Amino acid sequence: MTTTYTAEQLTTLSSQLLTHIETHLSAQFDKGRIQGTDYAQVYIAAVQSSMAQAQSFLLGKDISAGQVDLLVEQKLQAEEQLIIMKERHGINRIAQYT
């Protein structure tokens, strides 16, 4: 199962991440903890890391959704097999397993 994300969803996620990064880095700059060219280097590293995490998050959502679908299908198959077993072997002998 693959989800296609819209440009709007990706832009929103990117904007939210960049807003948080900029807020945090500005606070660090104002406190004198990041100065000069270090600011640019930290900013670039933070953006790259955040984008990688966002990509992992979006891919993880697809994987999780696929796992849920698989578990639902396995549950349905197990229920069907139980019904067949009850029909073949009599309800009383199988009742102890339900």
C-alpha atoms as a PDB file:
ATOM      1  CA  MET A   1       0.000   0.000   0.000  1.00  0.00           C
ATOM      2  CA  THR A   2       1.495   3.317  -1.044  1.00  0.00           C
ATOM      3  CA  THR A   3       0.054   6.669  -0.158  1.00  0.00           C
ATOM      4  CA  THR A   4       0.564   9.586  -2.464  1.00  0.00           C
ATOM      5  CA  TYR A   5       1.031  12.800  -0.555  1.00  0.00           C
ATOM      6  CA  THR A   6      -0.133  16.036  -2.093  1.00  0.00           C
ATOM      7  CA  ALA A   7       2.185  18.941  -2.662  1.00  0.00           C
ATOM      8  CA  GLU A   8       0.140  20.848  -0.084  1.00  0.00           C
ATOM      9  CA  GLN A   9       0.714  18.171   2.585  1.00  0.00           C
ATOM     10  CA  LEU A  10       4.440  18.076   1.913  1.00  0.00           C
ATOM     11  CA  THR A  11       4.662  21.876   1.878  1.00  0.00           C
ATOM     12  CA  THR A  12       2.757  22.091   5.155  1.00  0.00           C
ATOM     13  CA  LEU A  13       5.031  19.567   6.834  1.00  0.00           C
ATOM     14  CA  SER A  14       8.142  21.329   5.520  1.00  0.00           C
ATOM     15  CA  SER A  15       6.858  24.724   6.638  1.00  0.00           C
ATOM     16  CA  GLN A  16       6.075  23.467  10.121  1.00  0.00           C
ATOM     17  CA  LEU A  17       9.518  21.931  10.494  1.00  0.00           C
ATOM     18  CA  LEU A  18      11.301  25.017   9.203  1.00  0.00           C
ATOM     19  CA  THR A  19       9.286  27.276  11.507  1.00  0.00           C
ATOM     20  CA  HIS A  20      10.331  25.256  14.540  1.00  0.00           C
ATOM     21  CA  ILE A  21      13.954  25.138  13.417  1.00  0.00           C
ATOM     22  CA  GLU A  22      14.077  28.887  12.806  1.00  0.00           C
ATOM     23  CA  THR A  23      12.464  29.651  16.166  1.00  0.00           C
ATOM     24  CA  HIS A  24      14.903  27.457  18.028  1.00  0.00           C
ATOM     25  CA  LEU A  25      17.970  28.682  16.165  1.00  0.00           C
ATOM     26  CA  SER A  26      16.976  32.326  16.567  1.00  0.00           C
ATOM     27  CA  ALA A  27      16.689  31.830  20.315  1.00  0.00           C
ATOM     28  CA  GLN A  28      20.145  30.243  20.394  1.00  0.00           C
ATOM     29  CA  PHE A  29      21.561  33.062  18.267  1.00  0.00           C
ATOM     30  CA  ASP A  30      19.995  35.710  20.520  1.00  0.00           C
ATOM     31  CA  LYS A  31      21.584  34.052  23.559  1.00  0.00           C
ATOM     32  CA  GLY A  32      24.966  34.145  21.849  1.00  0.00           C
ATOM     33  CA  ARG A  33      25.291  30.373  21.680  1.00  0.00           C
ATOM     34  CA  ILE A  34      25.521  30.306  17.866  1.00  0.00           C
ATOM     35  CA  GLN A  35      27.478  33.012  16.071  1.00  0.00           C
ATOM     36  CA  GLY A  36      28.601  33.952  12.579  1.00  0.00           C
ATOM     37  CA  THR A  37      29.039  31.169  10.055  1.00  0.00           C
ATOM     38  CA  ASP A  38      28.141  28.582  12.705  1.00  0.00           C
ATOM     39  CA  TYR A  39      24.526  29.757  12.379  1.00  0.00           C
ATOM     40  CA  ALA A  40      24.411  28.840   8.682  1.00  0.00           C
ATOM     41  CA  GLN A  41      26.095  25.490   9.264  1.00  0.00           C
ATOM     42  CA  VAL A  42      23.740  24.591  12.113  1.00  0.00           C
ATOM     43  CA  TYR A  43      20.732  25.760  10.101  1.00  0.00           C
ATOM     44  CA  ILE A  44      21.640  23.620   7.090  1.00  0.00           C
ATOM     45  CA  ALA A  45      22.337  20.575   9.258  1.00  0.00           C
ATOM     46  CA  ALA A  46      19.041  21.031  11.123  1.00  0.00           C
ATOM     47  CA  VAL A  47      17.065  21.378   7.892  1.00  0.00           C
ATOM     48  CA  GLN A  48      18.680  18.287   6.363  1.00  0.00           C
ATOM     49  CA  SER A  49      18.082  16.239   9.493  1.00  0.00           C
ATOM     50  CA  SER A  50      14.483  17.392   9.821  1.00  0.00           C
ATOM     51  CA  MET A  51      13.700  16.614   6.195  1.00  0.00           C
ATOM     52  CA  ALA A  52      15.172  13.130   6.580  1.00  0.00           C
ATOM     53  CA  GLN A  53      13.035  12.567   9.673  1.00  0.00           C
ATOM     54  CA  ALA A  54       9.937  13.862   7.877  1.00  0.00           C
ATOM     55  CA  GLN A  55      10.566  11.463   5.013  1.00  0.00           C
ATOM     56  CA  SER A  56      10.985   8.567   7.451  1.00  0.00           C
ATOM     57  CA  PHE A  57       7.769   9.577   9.207  1.00  0.00           C
ATOM     58  CA  LEU A  58       5.779   9.688   5.980  1.00  0.00           C
ATOM     59  CA  LEU A  59       7.162   6.343   4.820  1.00  0.00           C
ATOM     60  CA  GLY A  60       6.489   4.882   8.265  1.00  0.00           C
ATOM     61  CA  LYS A  61       2.851   5.880   7.989  1.00  0.00           C
ATOM     62  CA  ASP A  62       2.536   3.798   4.819  1.00  0.00           C
ATOM     63  CA  ILE A  63       4.239   0.826   6.448  1.00  0.00           C
ATOM     64  CA  SER A  64       2.025   1.051   9.528  1.00  0.00           C
ATOM     65  CA  ALA A  65      -1.110   1.256   7.413  1.00  0.00           C
ATOM     66  CA  GLY A  66      -0.005  -1.805   5.456  1.00  0.00           C
ATOM     67  CA  GLN A  67       0.656  -3.724   8.668  1.00  0.00           C
ATOM     68  CA  VAL A  68      -2.811  -2.872   9.979  1.00  0.00           C
ATOM     69  CA  ASP A  69      -4.383  -4.064   6.719  1.00  0.00           C
ATOM     70  CA  LEU A  70      -2.414  -7.316   6.939  1.00  0.00           C
ATOM     71  CA  LEU A  71      -3.473  -7.927  10.547  1.00  0.00           C
ATOM     72  CA  VAL A  72      -7.126  -7.298   9.704  1.00  0.00           C
ATOM     73  CA  GLU A  73      -6.903  -9.776   6.813  1.00  0.00           C
ATOM     74  CA  GLN A  74      -5.196 -12.377   9.024  1.00  0.00           C
ATOM     75  CA  LYS A  75      -7.916 -11.967  11.654  1.00  0.00           C
ATOM     76  CA  LEU A  76     -10.636 -12.464   9.063  1.00  0.00           C
ATOM     77  CA  GLN A  77      -8.906 -15.593   7.759  1.00  0.00           C
ATOM     78  CA  ALA A  78      -8.568 -17.008  11.274  1.00  0.00           C
ATOM     79  CA  GLU A  79     -12.253 -16.376  11.948  1.00  0.00           C
ATOM     80  CA  GLU A  80     -13.195 -18.097   8.684  1.00  0.00           C
ATOM     81  CA  GLN A  81     -10.995 -21.086   9.541  1.00  0.00           C
ATOM     82  CA  LEU A  82     -12.603 -21.333  12.975  1.00  0.00           C
ATOM     83  CA  ILE A  83     -16.061 -21.380  11.420  1.00  0.00           C
ATOM     84  CA  ILE A  84     -14.991 -24.147   9.024  1.00  0.00           C
ATOM     85  CA  MET A  85     -13.494 -26.153  11.890  1.00  0.00           C
ATOM     86  CA  LYS A  86     -16.703 -25.802  13.903  1.00  0.00           C
ATOM     87  CA  GLU A  87     -18.770 -26.964  10.942  1.00  0.00           C
ATOM     88  CA  ARG A  88     -16.538 -29.961  10.260  1.00  0.00           C
ATOM     89  CA  HIS A  89     -15.873 -31.134  13.802  1.00  0.00           C
ATOM     90  CA  GLY A  90     -18.877 -30.022  15.742  1.00  0.00           C
ATOM     91  CA  ILE A  91     -19.350 -26.841  17.696  1.00  0.00           C
ATOM     92  CA  ASN A  92     -18.845 -28.409  21.144  1.00  0.00           C
ATOM     93  CA  ARG A  93     -15.317 -29.709  20.520  1.00  0.00           C
ATOM     94  CA  ILE A  94     -14.100 -26.347  19.133  1.00  0.00           C
ATOM     95  CA  ALA A  95     -15.980 -24.115  21.611  1.00  0.00           C
ATOM     96  CA  GLN A  96     -13.183 -24.364  24.143  1.00  0.00           C
ATOM     97  CA  TYR A  97     -10.835 -22.498  21.753  1.00  0.00           C
ATOM     98  CA  THR A  98     -13.068 -19.450  21.254  1.00  0.00           C
END
